[in-house]
Amino acid sequence: MKAPKTFEEGMTRLEDILARMQSGEVTLAESVKLYAEAAGLVEYCTRTLDKVSLQMDEIDLRLAGAGRDGENETVRGGAEEKP
């Protein structure tokens, strides 16, 4: 199996494999080969989703940190001082 270049390519190939296997027109031996390819594609797509999830978590943490920094500046610089 050639590794897909993108997540979308992997998902499209998985959909194609599923359609072929559900058609009932493949031999048992071919079904086993398709199943093995599908398992590899599922692994690839899962790893890709995990990486993207981590990237999104990092973005969320940066945004949360930026929000806290902004709040601290507002409190320090924007608060009225009482005499």
PDB file of N, CA and C in Angstrom:
ATOM      1  N   MET A   1       0.833  -1.181   0.000  1.00  0.00           N
ATOM      2  CA  MET A   1       0.000   0.000   0.000  1.00  0.00           C
ATOM      3  C   MET A   1       0.879   1.246   0.000  1.00  0.00           C
ATOM      4  N   LYS A   2       0.562   2.150  -0.887  1.00  0.00           N
ATOM      5  CA  LYS A   2       1.251   3.430  -0.936  1.00  0.00           C
ATOM      6  C   LYS A   2       0.583   4.372   0.065  1.00  0.00           C
ATOM      7  N   ALA A   3       1.381   4.988   0.897  1.00  0.00           N
ATOM      8  CA  ALA A   3       0.825   5.889   1.912  1.00  0.00           C
ATOM      9  C   ALA A   3       0.158   7.086   1.239  1.00  0.00           C
ATOM     10  N   PRO A   4      -1.000   7.473   1.750  1.00  0.00           N
ATOM     11  CA  PRO A   4      -1.677   8.645   1.186  1.00  0.00           C
ATOM     12  C   PRO A   4      -0.882   9.909   1.483  1.00  0.00           C
ATOM     13  N   LYS A   5      -1.051  10.904   0.630  1.00  0.00           N
ATOM     14  CA  LYS A   5      -0.354  12.182   0.828  1.00  0.00           C
ATOM     15  C   LYS A   5      -1.100  13.084   1.799  1.00  0.00           C
ATOM     16  N   THR A   6      -2.406  12.872   1.902  1.00  0.00           N
ATOM     17  CA  THR A   6      -3.219  13.713   2.781  1.00  0.00           C
ATOM     18  C   THR A   6      -4.236  12.858   3.528  1.00  0.00           C
ATOM     19  N   PHE A   7      -4.782  13.415   4.574  1.00  0.00           N
ATOM     20  CA  PHE A   7      -5.841  12.756   5.326  1.00  0.00           C
ATOM     21  C   PHE A   7      -7.028  12.493   4.414  1.00  0.00           C
ATOM     22  N   GLU A   8      -7.383  13.485   3.609  1.00  0.00           N
ATOM     23  CA  GLU A   8      -8.539  13.356   2.718  1.00  0.00           C
ATOM     24  C   GLU A   8      -8.336  12.232   1.708  1.00  0.00           C
ATOM     25  N   GLU A   9      -7.126  12.112   1.206  1.00  0.00           N
ATOM     26  CA  GLU A   9      -6.819  11.035   0.266  1.00  0.00           C
ATOM     27  C   GLU A   9      -6.975   9.674   0.954  1.00  0.00           C
ATOM     28  N   GLY A  10      -6.529   9.578   2.179  1.00  0.00           N
ATOM     29  CA  GLY A  10      -6.667   8.343   2.940  1.00  0.00           C
ATOM     30  C   GLY A  10      -8.123   7.982   3.179  1.00  0.00           C
ATOM     31  N   MET A  11      -8.929   8.972   3.534  1.00  0.00           N
ATOM     32  CA  MET A  11     -10.353   8.723   3.763  1.00  0.00           C
ATOM     33  C   MET A  11     -11.067   8.312   2.481  1.00  0.00           C
ATOM     34  N   THR A  12     -10.719   8.951   1.384  1.00  0.00           N
ATOM     35  CA  THR A  12     -11.326   8.590   0.101  1.00  0.00           C
ATOM     36  C   THR A  12     -10.999   7.150  -0.259  1.00  0.00           C
ATOM     37  N   ARG A  13      -9.749   6.757  -0.052  1.00  0.00           N
ATOM     38  CA  ARG A  13      -9.353   5.373  -0.350  1.00  0.00           C
ATOM     39  C   ARG A  13     -10.087   4.400   0.581  1.00  0.00           C
ATOM     40  N   LEU A  14     -10.251   4.748   1.837  1.00  0.00           N
ATOM     41  CA  LEU A  14     -11.009   3.899   2.756  1.00  0.00           C
ATOM     42  C   LEU A  14     -12.451   3.720   2.281  1.00  0.00           C
ATOM     43  N   GLU A  15     -13.059   4.800   1.831  1.00  0.00           N
ATOM     44  CA  GLU A  15     -14.433   4.726   1.315  1.00  0.00           C
ATOM     45  C   GLU A  15     -14.503   3.820   0.088  1.00  0.00           C
ATOM     46  N   ASP A  16     -13.514   3.916  -0.786  1.00  0.00           N
ATOM     47  CA  ASP A  16     -13.459   3.057  -1.975  1.00  0.00           C
ATOM     48  C   ASP A  16     -13.336   1.585  -1.582  1.00  0.00           C
ATOM     49  N   ILE A  17     -12.469   1.308  -0.627  1.00  0.00           N
ATOM     50  CA  ILE A  17     -12.273  -0.069  -0.161  1.00  0.00           C
ATOM     51  C   ILE A  17     -13.572  -0.608   0.433  1.00  0.00           C
ATOM     52  N   LEU A  18     -14.220   0.186   1.254  1.00  0.00           N
ATOM     53  CA  LEU A  18     -15.471  -0.231   1.870  1.00  0.00           C
ATOM     54  C   LEU A  18     -16.522  -0.561   0.810  1.00  0.00           C
ATOM     55  N   ALA A  19     -16.635   0.288  -0.178  1.00  0.00           N
ATOM     56  CA  ALA A  19     -17.614   0.061  -1.246  1.00  0.00           C
ATOM     57  C   ALA A  19     -17.320  -1.241  -1.991  1.00  0.00           C
ATOM     58  N   ARG A  20     -16.051  -1.483  -2.272  1.00  0.00           N
ATOM     59  CA  ARG A  20     -15.679  -2.726  -2.972  1.00  0.00           C
ATOM     60  C   ARG A  20     -15.988  -3.948  -2.127  1.00  0.00           C
ATOM     61  N   MET A  21     -15.662  -3.877  -0.848  1.00  0.00           N
ATOM     62  CA  MET A  21     -15.902  -5.028   0.021  1.00  0.00           C
ATOM     63  C   MET A  21     -17.395  -5.280   0.206  1.00  0.00           C
ATOM     64  N   GLN A  22     -18.187  -4.228   0.251  1.00  0.00           N
ATOM     65  CA  GLN A  22     -19.625  -4.378   0.425  1.00  0.00           C
ATOM     66  C   GLN A  22     -20.326  -4.837  -0.852  1.00  0.00           C
ATOM     67  N   SER A  23     -19.661  -4.674  -1.973  1.00  0.00           N
ATOM     68  CA  SER A  23     -20.283  -5.048  -3.248  1.00  0.00           C
ATOM     69  C   SER A  23     -20.478  -6.556  -3.375  1.00  0.00           C
ATOM     70  N   GLY A  24     -19.685  -7.312  -2.644  1.00  0.00           N
ATOM     71  CA  GLY A  24     -19.773  -8.758  -2.723  1.00  0.00           C
ATOM     72  C   GLY A  24     -19.125  -9.340  -3.964  1.00  0.00           C
ATOM     73  N   GLU A  25     -18.424  -8.522  -4.712  1.00  0.00           N
ATOM     74  CA  GLU A  25     -17.814  -8.953  -5.967  1.00  0.00           C
ATOM     75  C   GLU A  25     -16.320  -9.224  -5.848  1.00  0.00           C
ATOM     76  N   VAL A  26     -15.802  -9.250  -4.634  1.00  0.00           N
ATOM     77  CA  VAL A  26     -14.373  -9.512  -4.454  1.00  0.00           C
ATOM     78  C   VAL A  26     -14.196 -10.900  -3.854  1.00  0.00           C
ATOM     79  N   THR A  27     -13.099 -11.516  -4.197  1.00  0.00           N
ATOM     80  CA  THR A  27     -12.807 -12.842  -3.664  1.00  0.00           C
ATOM     81  C   THR A  27     -12.378 -12.726  -2.204  1.00  0.00           C
ATOM     82  N   LEU A  28     -12.341 -13.844  -1.541  1.00  0.00           N
ATOM     83  CA  LEU A  28     -11.904 -13.859  -0.150  1.00  0.00           C
ATOM     84  C   LEU A  28     -10.469 -13.369  -0.036  1.00  0.00           C
ATOM     85  N   ALA A  29      -9.612 -13.836  -0.935  1.00  0.00           N
ATOM     86  CA  ALA A  29      -8.207 -13.416  -0.903  1.00  0.00           C
ATOM     87  C   ALA A  29      -8.086 -11.910  -1.128  1.00  0.00           C
ATOM     88  N   GLU A  30      -8.858 -11.390  -2.050  1.00  0.00           N
ATOM     89  CA  GLU A  30      -8.821  -9.948  -2.311  1.00  0.00           C
ATOM     90  C   GLU A  30      -9.374  -9.174  -1.115  1.00  0.00           C
ATOM     91  N   SER A  31     -10.387  -9.730  -0.472  1.00  0.00           N
ATOM     92  CA  SER A  31     -10.955  -9.088   0.718  1.00  0.00           C
ATOM     93  C   SER A  31      -9.917  -8.961   1.819  1.00  0.00           C
ATOM     94  N   VAL A  32      -9.104  -9.996   1.984  1.00  0.00           N
ATOM     95  CA  VAL A  32      -8.057  -9.964   3.010  1.00  0.00           C
ATOM     96  C   VAL A  32      -7.045  -8.872   2.678  1.00  0.00           C
ATOM     97  N   LYS A  33      -6.660  -8.751   1.419  1.00  0.00           N
ATOM     98  CA  LYS A  33      -5.715  -7.701   1.007  1.00  0.00           C
ATOM     99  C   LYS A  33      -6.309  -6.316   1.230  1.00  0.00           C
ATOM    100  N   LEU A  34      -7.579  -6.168   0.868  1.00  0.00           N
ATOM    101  CA  LEU A  34      -8.241  -4.875   1.059  1.00  0.00           C
ATOM    102  C   LEU A  34      -8.363  -4.544   2.547  1.00  0.00           C
ATOM    103  N   TYR A  35      -8.657  -5.546   3.348  1.00  0.00           N
ATOM    104  CA  TYR A  35      -8.762  -5.342   4.790  1.00  0.00           C
ATOM    105  C   TYR A  35      -7.428  -4.876   5.366  1.00  0.00           C
ATOM    106  N   ALA A  36      -6.353  -5.503   4.933  1.00  0.00           N
ATOM    107  CA  ALA A  36      -5.018  -5.111   5.409  1.00  0.00           C
ATOM    108  C   ALA A  36      -4.698  -3.674   4.996  1.00  0.00           C
ATOM    109  N   GLU A  37      -5.041  -3.323   3.770  1.00  0.00           N
ATOM    110  CA  GLU A  37      -4.811  -1.943   3.317  1.00  0.00           C
ATOM    111  C   GLU A  37      -5.649  -0.969   4.131  1.00  0.00           C
ATOM    112  N   ALA A  38      -6.899  -1.331   4.378  1.00  0.00           N
ATOM    113  CA  ALA A  38      -7.784  -0.466   5.161  1.00  0.00           C
ATOM    114  C   ALA A  38      -7.245  -0.264   6.575  1.00  0.00           C
ATOM    115  N   ALA A  39      -6.716  -1.329   7.174  1.00  0.00           N
ATOM    116  CA  ALA A  39      -6.156  -1.215   8.526  1.00  0.00           C
ATOM    117  C   ALA A  39      -5.003  -0.221   8.548  1.00  0.00           C
ATOM    118  N   GLY A  40      -4.151  -0.262   7.531  1.00  0.00           N
ATOM    119  CA  GLY A  40      -3.052   0.693   7.438  1.00  0.00           C
ATOM    120  C   GLY A  40      -3.540   2.113   7.251  1.00  0.00           C
ATOM    121  N   LEU A  41      -4.586   2.270   6.461  1.00  0.00           N
ATOM    122  CA  LEU A  41      -5.155   3.603   6.237  1.00  0.00           C
ATOM    123  C   LEU A  41      -5.802   4.154   7.505  1.00  0.00           C
ATOM    124  N   VAL A  42      -6.481   3.289   8.249  1.00  0.00           N
ATOM    125  CA  VAL A  42      -7.083   3.720   9.514  1.00  0.00           C
ATOM    126  C   VAL A  42      -5.994   4.188  10.468  1.00  0.00           C
ATOM    127  N   GLU A  43      -4.895   3.446  10.526  1.00  0.00           N
ATOM    128  CA  GLU A  43      -3.776   3.835  11.385  1.00  0.00           C
ATOM    129  C   GLU A  43      -3.214   5.194  10.961  1.00  0.00           C
ATOM    130  N   TYR A  44      -3.014   5.385   9.649  1.00  0.00           N
ATOM    131  CA  TYR A  44      -2.502   6.648   9.133  1.00  0.00           C
ATOM    132  C   TYR A  44      -3.457   7.802   9.479  1.00  0.00           C
ATOM    133  N   CYS A  45      -4.738   7.603   9.224  1.00  0.00           N
ATOM    134  CA  CYS A  45      -5.718   8.666   9.473  1.00  0.00           C
ATOM    135  C   CYS A  45      -5.819   8.982  10.962  1.00  0.00           C
ATOM    136  N   THR A  46      -5.755   7.962  11.803  1.00  0.00           N
ATOM    137  CA  THR A  46      -5.806   8.179  13.253  1.00  0.00           C
ATOM    138  C   THR A  46      -4.595   8.973  13.728  1.00  0.00           C
ATOM    139  N   ARG A  47      -3.407   8.605  13.248  1.00  0.00           N
ATOM    140  CA  ARG A  47      -2.189   9.354  13.614  1.00  0.00           C
ATOM    141  C   ARG A  47      -2.303  10.807  13.161  1.00  0.00           C
ATOM    142  N   THR A  48      -2.813  10.998  11.945  1.00  0.00           N
ATOM    143  CA  THR A  48      -2.958  12.353  11.415  1.00  0.00           C
ATOM    144  C   THR A  48      -3.920  13.166  12.269  1.00  0.00           C
ATOM    145  N   LEU A  49      -5.052  12.577  12.638  1.00  0.00           N
ATOM    146  CA  LEU A  49      -6.013  13.276  13.496  1.00  0.00           C
ATOM    147  C   LEU A  49      -5.423  13.581  14.864  1.00  0.00           C
ATOM    148  N   ASP A  50      -4.651  12.657  15.411  1.00  0.00           N
ATOM    149  CA  ASP A  50      -3.999  12.891  16.703  1.00  0.00           C
ATOM    150  C   ASP A  50      -3.049  14.085  16.630  1.00  0.00           C
ATOM    151  N   LYS A  51      -2.270  14.166  15.546  1.00  0.00           N
ATOM    152  CA  LYS A  51      -1.338  15.289  15.375  1.00  0.00           C
ATOM    153  C   LYS A  51      -2.091  16.608  15.280  1.00  0.00           C
ATOM    154  N   VAL A  52      -3.168  16.614  14.520  1.00  0.00           N
ATOM    155  CA  VAL A  52      -3.953  17.830  14.356  1.00  0.00           C
ATOM    156  C   VAL A  52      -4.594  18.222  15.688  1.00  0.00           C
ATOM    157  N   SER A  53      -5.060  17.241  16.427  1.00  0.00           N
ATOM    158  CA  SER A  53      -5.655  17.514  17.728  1.00  0.00           C
ATOM    159  C   SER A  53      -4.640  18.160  18.664  1.00  0.00           C
ATOM    160  N   LEU A  54      -3.413  17.659  18.666  1.00  0.00           N
ATOM    161  CA  LEU A  54      -2.356  18.260  19.487  1.00  0.00           C
ATOM    162  C   LEU A  54      -2.069  19.695  19.053  1.00  0.00           C
ATOM    163  N   GLN A  55      -2.039  19.924  17.745  1.00  0.00           N
ATOM    164  CA  GLN A  55      -1.799  21.283  17.248  1.00  0.00           C
ATOM    165  C   GLN A  55      -2.907  22.223  17.706  1.00  0.00           C
ATOM    166  N   MET A  56      -4.144  21.747  17.656  1.00  0.00           N
ATOM    167  CA  MET A  56      -5.265  22.584  18.092  1.00  0.00           C
ATOM    168  C   MET A  56      -5.198  22.850  19.591  1.00  0.00           C
ATOM    169  N   ASP A  57      -4.797  21.843  20.364  1.00  0.00           N
ATOM    170  CA  ASP A  57      -4.630  22.045  21.807  1.00  0.00           C
ATOM    171  C   ASP A  57      -3.567  23.105  22.090  1.00  0.00           C
ATOM    172  N   GLU A  58      -2.456  23.056  21.337  1.00  0.00           N
ATOM    173  CA  GLU A  58      -1.396  24.050  21.520  1.00  0.00           C
ATOM    174  C   GLU A  58      -1.897  25.451  21.175  1.00  0.00           C
ATOM    175  N   ILE A  59      -2.675  25.566  20.126  1.00  0.00           N
ATOM    176  CA  ILE A  59      -3.240  26.872  19.751  1.00  0.00           C
ATOM    177  C   ILE A  59      -4.161  27.368  20.856  1.00  0.00           C
ATOM    178  N   ASP A  60      -5.023  26.484  21.361  1.00  0.00           N
ATOM    179  CA  ASP A  60      -5.931  26.865  22.444  1.00  0.00           C
ATOM    180  C   ASP A  60      -5.163  27.335  23.677  1.00  0.00           C
ATOM    181  N   LEU A  61      -4.073  26.628  24.016  1.00  0.00           N
ATOM    182  CA  LEU A  61      -3.274  27.030  25.171  1.00  0.00           C
ATOM    183  C   LEU A  61      -2.644  28.400  24.958  1.00  0.00           C
ATOM    184  N   ARG A  62      -2.141  28.640  23.736  1.00  0.00           N
ATOM    185  CA  ARG A  62      -1.555  29.954  23.454  1.00  0.00           C
ATOM    186  C   ARG A  62      -2.613  31.049  23.555  1.00  0.00           C
ATOM    187  N   LEU A  63      -3.802  30.776  23.012  1.00  0.00           N
ATOM    188  CA  LEU A  63      -4.871  31.774  23.077  1.00  0.00           C
ATOM    189  C   LEU A  63      -5.310  32.019  24.511  1.00  0.00           C
ATOM    190  N   ALA A  64      -5.390  30.961  25.296  1.00  0.00           N
ATOM    191  CA  ALA A  64      -5.761  31.105  26.702  1.00  0.00           C
ATOM    192  C   ALA A  64      -4.696  31.900  27.444  1.00  0.00           C
ATOM    193  N   GLY A  65      -3.436  31.636  27.131  1.00  0.00           N
ATOM    194  CA  GLY A  65      -2.340  32.379  27.758  1.00  0.00           C
ATOM    195  C   GLY A  65      -2.362  33.834  27.364  1.00  0.00           C
ATOM    196  N   ALA A  66      -2.664  34.097  26.102  1.00  0.00           N
ATOM    197  CA  ALA A  66      -2.736  35.483  25.628  1.00  0.00           C
ATOM    198  C   ALA A  66      -3.895  36.199  26.289  1.00  0.00           C
ATOM    199  N   GLY A  67      -4.981  35.492  26.505  1.00  0.00           N
ATOM    200  CA  GLY A  67      -6.138  36.089  27.170  1.00  0.00           C
ATOM    201  C   GLY A  67      -5.834  36.442  28.611  1.00  0.00           C
ATOM    202  N   ARG A  68      -5.109  35.558  29.284  1.00  0.00           N
ATOM    203  CA  ARG A  68      -4.734  35.843  30.675  1.00  0.00           C
ATOM    204  C   ARG A  68      -3.787  37.031  30.736  1.00  0.00           C
ATOM    205  N   ASP A  69      -2.825  37.096  29.811  1.00  0.00           N
ATOM    206  CA  ASP A  69      -1.890  38.217  29.793  1.00  0.00           C
ATOM    207  C   ASP A  69      -2.645  39.511  29.550  1.00  0.00           C
ATOM    208  N   GLY A  70      -3.599  39.472  28.642  1.00  0.00           N
ATOM    209  CA  GLY A  70      -4.397  40.658  28.352  1.00  0.00           C
ATOM    210  C   GLY A  70      -5.236  41.077  29.538  1.00  0.00           C
ATOM    211  N   GLU A  71      -5.782  40.111  30.270  1.00  0.00           N
ATOM    212  CA  GLU A  71      -6.574  40.416  31.452  1.00  0.00           C
ATOM    213  C   GLU A  71      -5.698  41.048  32.521  1.00  0.00           C
ATOM    214  N   ASN A  72      -4.493  40.510  32.702  1.00  0.00           N
ATOM    215  CA  ASN A  72      -3.597  41.057  33.723  1.00  0.00           C
ATOM    216  C   ASN A  72      -3.208  42.483  33.394  1.00  0.00           C
ATOM    217  N   GLU A  73      -2.973  42.758  32.117  1.00  0.00           N
ATOM    218  CA  GLU A  73      -2.607  44.118  31.729  1.00  0.00           C
ATOM    219  C   GLU A  73      -3.773  45.062  31.945  1.00  0.00           C
ATOM    220  N   THR A  74      -4.982  44.591  31.653  1.00  0.00           N
ATOM    221  CA  THR A  74      -6.163  45.430  31.839  1.00  0.00           C
ATOM    222  C   THR A  74      -6.342  45.743  33.316  1.00  0.00           C
ATOM    223  N   VAL A  75      -6.161  44.737  34.150  1.00  0.00           N
ATOM    224  CA  VAL A  75      -6.333  44.939  35.577  1.00  0.00           C
ATOM    225  C   VAL A  75      -5.259  45.882  36.099  1.00  0.00           C
ATOM    226  N   ARG A  76      -4.001  45.668  35.693  1.00  0.00           N
ATOM    227  CA  ARG A  76      -2.920  46.517  36.177  1.00  0.00           C
ATOM    228  C   ARG A  76      -3.004  47.915  35.604  1.00  0.00           C
ATOM    229  N   GLY A  77      -3.183  48.003  34.291  1.00  0.00           N
ATOM    230  CA  GLY A  77      -3.122  49.315  33.651  1.00  0.00           C
ATOM    231  C   GLY A  77      -4.441  50.031  33.610  1.00  0.00           C
ATOM    232  N   GLY A  78      -5.543  49.303  33.651  1.00  0.00           N
ATOM    233  CA  GLY A  78      -6.844  49.929  33.459  1.00  0.00           C
ATOM    234  C   GLY A  78      -7.621  50.148  34.726  1.00  0.00           C
ATOM    235  N   ALA A  79      -7.151  49.649  35.832  1.00  0.00           N
ATOM    236  CA  ALA A  79      -7.905  49.799  37.076  1.00  0.00           C
ATOM    237  C   ALA A  79      -7.721  51.198  37.623  1.00  0.00           C
ATOM    238  N   GLU A  80      -8.820  51.723  38.146  1.00  0.00           N
ATOM    239  CA  GLU A  80      -8.725  53.050  38.735  1.00  0.00           C
ATOM    240  C   GLU A  80      -8.098  52.948  40.116  1.00  0.00           C
ATOM    241  N   GLU A  81      -7.198  53.862  40.358  1.00  0.00           N
ATOM    242  CA  GLU A  81      -6.563  53.872  41.677  1.00  0.00           C
ATOM    243  C   GLU A  81      -7.384  54.748  42.606  1.00  0.00           C
ATOM    244  N   LYS A  82      -7.549  54.269  43.824  1.00  0.00           N
ATOM    245  CA  LYS A  82      -8.286  55.063  44.814  1.00  0.00           C
ATOM    246  C   LYS A  82      -7.269  55.865  45.621  1.00  0.00           C
ATOM    247  N   PRO A  83      -7.625  57.098  45.890  1.00  0.00           N
ATOM    248  CA  PRO A  83      -6.694  57.954  46.652  1.00  0.00           C
ATOM    249  C   PRO A  83      -6.528  57.550  48.078  1.00  0.00           C
TER     250      PRO A  83
END
